[in-house]
Amino acid sequence: MKGAYKLQANHFETSYIENIGNGKFKLKALPQIVQVSPVNGMITDDVNADGNLDVIMVGNDFGNEVFFGRYDAFTGLILLGDGKGSFEVMPSAKSGFIVNGDAKGLAKLSRANSDLFIATQNRDSLKVFTKMIDDKNTTEFQPKAFDTSMELAYGDGKKQRIEFYYGNGFLSQSTRKYRIRKGVKEVTVSDSKGQVRKISPAI
């Protein structure tokens, strides 16, 4: 082992990492119920329409060695965010979001008046959940191919940054569309070349 580069794993909790600015980050373990199995698929979305991002997640792993057994205690979960880095657990029994198999990918697709959350399960069926949308209080924004993010400025002075991804979670790709809710006064969009443009939310 002389001259070998040694690595040591010392943090096994599924955690939330907050960017607190100036190149500094804060690591915080998510609630205990999240730690019962590996988390594979994850999406952020405002589930309860309170203006704060929530987290939807699926997990488990049936592919372990026989002497370990399956990691199968997870049934899917929704964490309700408070906008300050803390989360309240919304268990499957209350939310109706139940994915209790060998769950891997999780993706969101948008329709005219609803969003679909699609969960994959290894060697099992897809599970699809529907979230109804009030079109009167939102407008749909479709980013261009090279758009990377946008900043939403609200009437109360609050700002929110949204990033657009190609790929998210376990081999998954959600829609890049975003629903801008009522109360947003200005939208600033940035692309991969550093160019910035402003658009009207038109709500």
C-alpha atoms as a PDB file:
ATOM      1  CA  MET A   1       0.000   0.000   0.000  1.00  0.00           C
ATOM      2  CA  LYS A   2       3.044   2.268   0.007  1.00  0.00           C
ATOM      3  CA  GLY A   3       2.371   5.323  -2.116  1.00  0.00           C
ATOM      4  CA  ALA A   4      -1.306   4.409  -2.564  1.00  0.00           C
ATOM      5  CA  TYR A   5      -3.928   7.144  -2.523  1.00  0.00           C
ATOM      6  CA  LYS A   6      -6.308   6.278   0.302  1.00  0.00           C
ATOM      7  CA  LEU A   7      -9.925   7.452   0.479  1.00  0.00           C
ATOM      8  CA  GLN A   8     -12.239   7.064   3.421  1.00  0.00           C
ATOM      9  CA  ALA A   9     -16.044   7.310   3.362  1.00  0.00           C
ATOM     10  CA  ASN A  10     -17.311   9.077   6.476  1.00  0.00           C
ATOM     11  CA  HIS A  11     -20.762  10.440   5.631  1.00  0.00           C
ATOM     12  CA  PHE A  12     -23.513   8.031   4.600  1.00  0.00           C
ATOM     13  CA  GLU A  13     -26.636  10.094   5.306  1.00  0.00           C
ATOM     14  CA  THR A  14     -28.801  11.345   2.461  1.00  0.00           C
ATOM     15  CA  SER A  15     -28.336  15.081   2.900  1.00  0.00           C
ATOM     16  CA  TYR A  16     -29.261  18.555   1.760  1.00  0.00           C
ATOM     17  CA  ILE A  17     -26.384  20.832   0.744  1.00  0.00           C
ATOM     18  CA  GLU A  18     -27.110  24.554   0.965  1.00  0.00           C
ATOM     19  CA  ASN A  19     -25.061  27.085  -0.959  1.00  0.00           C
ATOM     20  CA  ILE A  20     -24.629  29.888   1.588  1.00  0.00           C
ATOM     21  CA  GLY A  21     -22.503  32.035  -0.741  1.00  0.00           C
ATOM     22  CA  ASN A  22     -18.858  33.030  -1.063  1.00  0.00           C
ATOM     23  CA  GLY A  23     -17.847  29.489  -1.984  1.00  0.00           C
ATOM     24  CA  LYS A  24     -19.226  28.036   1.272  1.00  0.00           C
ATOM     25  CA  PHE A  25     -21.738  25.236   1.686  1.00  0.00           C
ATOM     26  CA  LYS A  26     -23.721  23.819   4.599  1.00  0.00           C
ATOM     27  CA  LEU A  27     -24.383  20.066   4.877  1.00  0.00           C
ATOM     28  CA  LYS A  28     -27.543  18.936   6.666  1.00  0.00           C
ATOM     29  CA  ALA A  29     -28.881  15.381   6.919  1.00  0.00           C
ATOM     30  CA  LEU A  30     -32.477  14.924   5.782  1.00  0.00           C
ATOM     31  CA  PRO A  31     -35.079  13.474   8.226  1.00  0.00           C
ATOM     32  CA  GLN A  32     -34.536   9.976   9.617  1.00  0.00           C
ATOM     33  CA  ILE A  33     -37.235   8.381   7.472  1.00  0.00           C
ATOM     34  CA  VAL A  34     -35.198   9.268   4.358  1.00  0.00           C
ATOM     35  CA  GLN A  35     -32.249   7.219   5.693  1.00  0.00           C
ATOM     36  CA  VAL A  36     -33.981   3.805   5.680  1.00  0.00           C
ATOM     37  CA  SER A  37     -32.905   2.959   2.097  1.00  0.00           C
ATOM     38  CA  PRO A  38     -30.852   4.415  -0.764  1.00  0.00           C
ATOM     39  CA  VAL A  39     -32.500   7.308  -2.624  1.00  0.00           C
ATOM     40  CA  ASN A  40     -32.280   7.056  -6.420  1.00  0.00           C
ATOM     41  CA  GLY A  41     -34.803   9.349  -8.118  1.00  0.00           C
ATOM     42  CA  MET A  42     -35.440  12.893  -6.923  1.00  0.00           C
ATOM     43  CA  ILE A  43     -37.368  15.922  -8.211  1.00  0.00           C
ATOM     44  CA  THR A  44     -37.917  19.362  -6.717  1.00  0.00           C
ATOM     45  CA  ASP A  45     -41.359  20.879  -7.228  1.00  0.00           C
ATOM     46  CA  ASP A  46     -43.807  23.083  -5.346  1.00  0.00           C
ATOM     47  CA  VAL A  47     -46.205  20.296  -4.378  1.00  0.00           C
ATOM     48  CA  ASN A  48     -48.475  22.242  -2.018  1.00  0.00           C
ATOM     49  CA  ALA A  49     -48.385  25.562  -3.931  1.00  0.00           C
ATOM     50  CA  ASP A  50     -46.999  27.585  -1.012  1.00  0.00           C
ATOM     51  CA  GLY A  51     -44.188  29.152  -3.051  1.00  0.00           C
ATOM     52  CA  ASN A  52     -41.460  26.943  -1.567  1.00  0.00           C
ATOM     53  CA  LEU A  53     -39.732  24.060  -3.327  1.00  0.00           C
ATOM     54  CA  ASP A  54     -40.512  20.574  -2.043  1.00  0.00           C
ATOM     55  CA  VAL A  55     -38.706  17.301  -2.766  1.00  0.00           C
ATOM     56  CA  ILE A  56     -40.233  14.143  -4.231  1.00  0.00           C
ATOM     57  CA  MET A  57     -38.063  11.027  -3.995  1.00  0.00           C
ATOM     58  CA  VAL A  58     -38.012   7.285  -4.642  1.00  0.00           C
ATOM     59  CA  GLY A  59     -35.483   4.621  -3.757  1.00  0.00           C
ATOM     60  CA  ASN A  60     -34.612   1.062  -2.581  1.00  0.00           C
ATOM     61  CA  ASP A  61     -32.116  -1.442  -3.982  1.00  0.00           C
ATOM     62  CA  PHE A  62     -32.930  -5.106  -4.573  1.00  0.00           C
ATOM     63  CA  GLY A  63     -29.542  -5.966  -6.114  1.00  0.00           C
ATOM     64  CA  ASN A  64     -27.450  -6.578  -2.999  1.00  0.00           C
ATOM     65  CA  GLU A  65     -25.556  -9.696  -1.995  1.00  0.00           C
ATOM     66  CA  VAL A  66     -27.717 -12.418  -0.427  1.00  0.00           C
ATOM     67  CA  PHE A  67     -26.142 -12.072   3.018  1.00  0.00           C
ATOM     68  CA  PHE A  68     -27.070  -8.346   3.093  1.00  0.00           C
ATOM     69  CA  GLY A  69     -30.606  -8.728   1.798  1.00  0.00           C
ATOM     70  CA  ARG A  70     -32.686  -6.110   0.040  1.00  0.00           C
ATOM     71  CA  TYR A  71     -32.803  -2.435   0.929  1.00  0.00           C
ATOM     72  CA  ASP A  72     -36.588  -2.260   0.591  1.00  0.00           C
ATOM     73  CA  ALA A  73     -37.904  -0.120   3.446  1.00  0.00           C
ATOM     74  CA  PHE A  74     -38.629   2.978   1.347  1.00  0.00           C
ATOM     75  CA  THR A  75     -42.102   3.629  -0.098  1.00  0.00           C
ATOM     76  CA  GLY A  76     -41.382   6.962  -1.732  1.00  0.00           C
ATOM     77  CA  LEU A  77     -41.655  10.270   0.066  1.00  0.00           C
ATOM     78  CA  ILE A  78     -42.471  13.943  -0.229  1.00  0.00           C
ATOM     79  CA  LEU A  79     -40.559  16.506   1.832  1.00  0.00           C
ATOM     80  CA  LEU A  80     -42.310  19.866   2.170  1.00  0.00           C
ATOM     81  CA  GLY A  81     -39.797  22.720   2.158  1.00  0.00           C
ATOM     82  CA  ASP A  82     -40.183  25.893   4.202  1.00  0.00           C
ATOM     83  CA  GLY A  83     -37.914  27.996   1.962  1.00  0.00           C
ATOM     84  CA  LYS A  84     -35.292  28.208   4.728  1.00  0.00           C
ATOM     85  CA  GLY A  85     -33.600  24.831   4.317  1.00  0.00           C
ATOM     86  CA  SER A  86     -35.847  22.731   6.558  1.00  0.00           C
ATOM     87  CA  PHE A  87     -38.304  20.055   5.488  1.00  0.00           C
ATOM     88  CA  GLU A  88     -41.470  18.511   6.897  1.00  0.00           C
ATOM     89  CA  VAL A  89     -42.068  14.850   6.119  1.00  0.00           C
ATOM     90  CA  MET A  90     -45.246  14.052   4.178  1.00  0.00           C
ATOM     91  CA  PRO A  91     -45.398  10.232   4.339  1.00  0.00           C
ATOM     92  CA  SER A  92     -46.881   8.059   1.602  1.00  0.00           C
ATOM     93  CA  ALA A  93     -49.978   7.257   3.650  1.00  0.00           C
ATOM     94  CA  LYS A  94     -50.902  10.955   3.651  1.00  0.00           C
ATOM     95  CA  SER A  95     -49.720  12.047   0.201  1.00  0.00           C
ATOM     96  CA  GLY A  96     -50.808   8.998  -1.793  1.00  0.00           C
ATOM     97  CA  PHE A  97     -47.369   8.941  -3.435  1.00  0.00           C
ATOM     98  CA  ILE A  98     -46.375   5.280  -2.994  1.00  0.00           C
ATOM     99  CA  VAL A  99     -43.528   3.604  -4.893  1.00  0.00           C
ATOM    100  CA  ASN A 100     -42.454   0.619  -2.819  1.00  0.00           C
ATOM    101  CA  GLY A 101     -40.609  -1.536  -5.375  1.00  0.00           C
ATOM    102  CA  ASP A 102     -37.009  -1.417  -6.616  1.00  0.00           C
ATOM    103  CA  ALA A 103     -37.545   2.210  -7.611  1.00  0.00           C
ATOM    104  CA  LYS A 104     -34.913   3.933  -9.735  1.00  0.00           C
ATOM    105  CA  GLY A 105     -35.820   6.837 -12.018  1.00  0.00           C
ATOM    106  CA  LEU A 106     -38.237   9.706 -11.420  1.00  0.00           C
ATOM    107  CA  ALA A 107     -39.233  12.272 -14.041  1.00  0.00           C
ATOM    108  CA  LYS A 108     -41.821  15.036 -14.461  1.00  0.00           C
ATOM    109  CA  LEU A 109     -43.786  15.704 -17.647  1.00  0.00           C
ATOM    110  CA  SER A 110     -46.056  18.716 -18.161  1.00  0.00           C
ATOM    111  CA  ARG A 111     -49.503  18.728 -19.783  1.00  0.00           C
ATOM    112  CA  ALA A 112     -52.037  21.490 -20.368  1.00  0.00           C
ATOM    113  CA  ASN A 113     -53.603  21.424 -16.903  1.00  0.00           C
ATOM    114  CA  SER A 114     -51.515  18.891 -14.993  1.00  0.00           C
ATOM    115  CA  ASP A 115     -48.044  17.532 -14.321  1.00  0.00           C
ATOM    116  CA  LEU A 116     -47.218  13.833 -14.412  1.00  0.00           C
ATOM    117  CA  PHE A 117     -44.630  12.288 -12.098  1.00  0.00           C
ATOM    118  CA  ILE A 118     -43.386   9.005 -13.544  1.00  0.00           C
ATOM    119  CA  ALA A 119     -41.427   6.527 -11.400  1.00  0.00           C
ATOM    120  CA  THR A 120     -39.616   3.503 -12.807  1.00  0.00           C
ATOM    121  CA  GLN A 121     -39.132   0.249 -10.902  1.00  0.00           C
ATOM    122  CA  ASN A 122     -36.523  -2.323 -11.884  1.00  0.00           C
ATOM    123  CA  ARG A 123     -38.230  -5.355 -13.480  1.00  0.00           C
ATOM    124  CA  ASP A 124     -41.635  -3.927 -12.571  1.00  0.00           C
ATOM    125  CA  SER A 125     -44.259  -1.521 -13.895  1.00  0.00           C
ATOM    126  CA  LEU A 126     -44.136   2.259 -14.187  1.00  0.00           C
ATOM    127  CA  LYS A 127     -46.043   4.257 -11.615  1.00  0.00           C
ATOM    128  CA  VAL A 128     -47.629   7.533 -12.717  1.00  0.00           C
ATOM    129  CA  PHE A 129     -48.978  10.246 -10.408  1.00  0.00           C
ATOM    130  CA  THR A 130     -50.937  13.328 -11.488  1.00  0.00           C
ATOM    131  CA  LYS A 131     -50.773  16.821  -9.996  1.00  0.00           C
ATOM    132  CA  MET A 132     -53.587  19.086 -11.220  1.00  0.00           C
ATOM    133  CA  ILE A 133     -52.645  22.655 -12.138  1.00  0.00           C
ATOM    134  CA  ASP A 134     -54.762  25.820 -11.977  1.00  0.00           C
ATOM    135  CA  ASP A 135     -53.887  27.377 -15.343  1.00  0.00           C
ATOM    136  CA  LYS A 136     -55.351  30.728 -14.257  1.00  0.00           C
ATOM    137  CA  ASN A 137     -52.563  31.198 -11.713  1.00  0.00           C
ATOM    138  CA  THR A 138     -49.620  29.984 -13.787  1.00  0.00           C
ATOM    139  CA  THR A 139     -48.056  30.478 -17.188  1.00  0.00           C
ATOM    140  CA  GLU A 140     -45.798  27.927 -18.868  1.00  0.00           C
ATOM    141  CA  PHE A 141     -42.279  28.900 -19.914  1.00  0.00           C
ATOM    142  CA  GLN A 142     -40.350  26.806 -22.443  1.00  0.00           C
ATOM    143  CA  PRO A 143     -36.568  27.414 -22.273  1.00  0.00           C
ATOM    144  CA  LYS A 144     -34.538  27.529 -25.451  1.00  0.00           C
ATOM    145  CA  ALA A 145     -31.995  24.789 -26.155  1.00  0.00           C
ATOM    146  CA  PHE A 146     -29.046  26.606 -24.566  1.00  0.00           C
ATOM    147  CA  ASP A 147     -30.874  28.327 -21.704  1.00  0.00           C
ATOM    148  CA  THR A 148     -29.340  27.282 -18.382  1.00  0.00           C
ATOM    149  CA  SER A 149     -31.256  29.202 -15.715  1.00  0.00           C
ATOM    150  CA  MET A 150     -33.709  31.965 -14.903  1.00  0.00           C
ATOM    151  CA  GLU A 151     -34.278  34.307 -11.996  1.00  0.00           C
ATOM    152  CA  LEU A 152     -37.807  35.117 -10.867  1.00  0.00           C
ATOM    153  CA  ALA A 153     -38.437  38.462  -9.171  1.00  0.00           C
ATOM    154  CA  TYR A 154     -41.627  38.596  -7.085  1.00  0.00           C
ATOM    155  CA  GLY A 155     -43.678  41.621  -6.150  1.00  0.00           C
ATOM    156  CA  ASP A 156     -42.701  41.258  -2.472  1.00  0.00           C
ATOM    157  CA  GLY A 157     -38.994  41.565  -3.314  1.00  0.00           C
ATOM    158  CA  LYS A 158     -38.251  37.845  -3.061  1.00  0.00           C
ATOM    159  CA  LYS A 159     -36.082  36.282  -5.779  1.00  0.00           C
ATOM    160  CA  GLN A 160     -35.805  32.662  -6.873  1.00  0.00           C
ATOM    161  CA  ARG A 161     -33.276  30.990  -9.173  1.00  0.00           C
ATOM    162  CA  ILE A 162     -34.364  28.063 -11.359  1.00  0.00           C
ATOM    163  CA  GLU A 163     -31.866  25.909 -13.269  1.00  0.00           C
ATOM    164  CA  PHE A 164     -32.676  23.964 -16.444  1.00  0.00           C
ATOM    165  CA  TYR A 165     -31.114  20.527 -16.750  1.00  0.00           C
ATOM    166  CA  TYR A 166     -30.504  17.895 -19.376  1.00  0.00           C
ATOM    167  CA  GLY A 167     -30.847  14.809 -17.230  1.00  0.00           C
ATOM    168  CA  ASN A 168     -31.672  14.495 -13.550  1.00  0.00           C
ATOM    169  CA  GLY A 169     -31.688  11.666 -11.027  1.00  0.00           C
ATOM    170  CA  PHE A 170     -31.193   8.021 -11.968  1.00  0.00           C
ATOM    171  CA  LEU A 171     -31.034   7.918 -15.805  1.00  0.00           C
ATOM    172  CA  SER A 172     -34.009  10.291 -15.988  1.00  0.00           C
ATOM    173  CA  GLN A 173     -34.961  13.358 -18.004  1.00  0.00           C
ATOM    174  CA  SER A 174     -37.785  15.605 -16.866  1.00  0.00           C
ATOM    175  CA  THR A 175     -39.411  18.275 -18.968  1.00  0.00           C
ATOM    176  CA  ARG A 176     -37.459  21.524 -19.133  1.00  0.00           C
ATOM    177  CA  LYS A 177     -40.682  23.507 -19.049  1.00  0.00           C
ATOM    178  CA  TYR A 178     -41.403  25.578 -15.965  1.00  0.00           C
ATOM    179  CA  ARG A 179     -44.686  26.944 -14.651  1.00  0.00           C
ATOM    180  CA  ILE A 180     -44.332  30.564 -13.524  1.00  0.00           C
ATOM    181  CA  ARG A 181     -46.886  31.274 -10.833  1.00  0.00           C
ATOM    182  CA  LYS A 182     -48.865  34.421 -10.179  1.00  0.00           C
ATOM    183  CA  GLY A 183     -46.953  37.114  -8.300  1.00  0.00           C
ATOM    184  CA  VAL A 184     -43.818  37.054 -10.463  1.00  0.00           C
ATOM    185  CA  LYS A 185     -43.135  40.542 -11.838  1.00  0.00           C
ATOM    186  CA  GLU A 186     -39.981  39.946 -13.871  1.00  0.00           C
ATOM    187  CA  VAL A 187     -38.129  36.968 -15.353  1.00  0.00           C
ATOM    188  CA  THR A 188     -34.441  37.080 -16.300  1.00  0.00           C
ATOM    189  CA  VAL A 189     -33.142  34.174 -18.405  1.00  0.00           C
ATOM    190  CA  SER A 190     -29.445  33.248 -18.831  1.00  0.00           C
ATOM    191  CA  ASP A 191     -27.922  30.919 -21.425  1.00  0.00           C
ATOM    192  CA  SER A 192     -24.711  28.893 -21.706  1.00  0.00           C
ATOM    193  CA  LYS A 193     -22.895  31.769 -23.451  1.00  0.00           C
ATOM    194  CA  GLY A 194     -23.549  34.180 -20.586  1.00  0.00           C
ATOM    195  CA  GLN A 195     -26.189  36.132 -22.485  1.00  0.00           C
ATOM    196  CA  VAL A 196     -29.116  37.482 -20.469  1.00  0.00           C
ATOM    197  CA  ARG A 197     -32.609  38.454 -21.571  1.00  0.00           C
ATOM    198  CA  LYS A 198     -35.733  39.591 -19.742  1.00  0.00           C
ATOM    199  CA  ILE A 199     -39.193  38.242 -20.479  1.00  0.00           C
ATOM    200  CA  SER A 200     -42.668  39.085 -19.209  1.00  0.00           C
ATOM    201  CA  PRO A 201     -44.384  36.429 -17.077  1.00  0.00           C
ATOM    202  CA  ALA A 202     -47.689  37.442 -18.736  1.00  0.00           C
ATOM    203  CA  ILE A 203     -49.996  36.309 -15.955  1.00  0.00           C
END
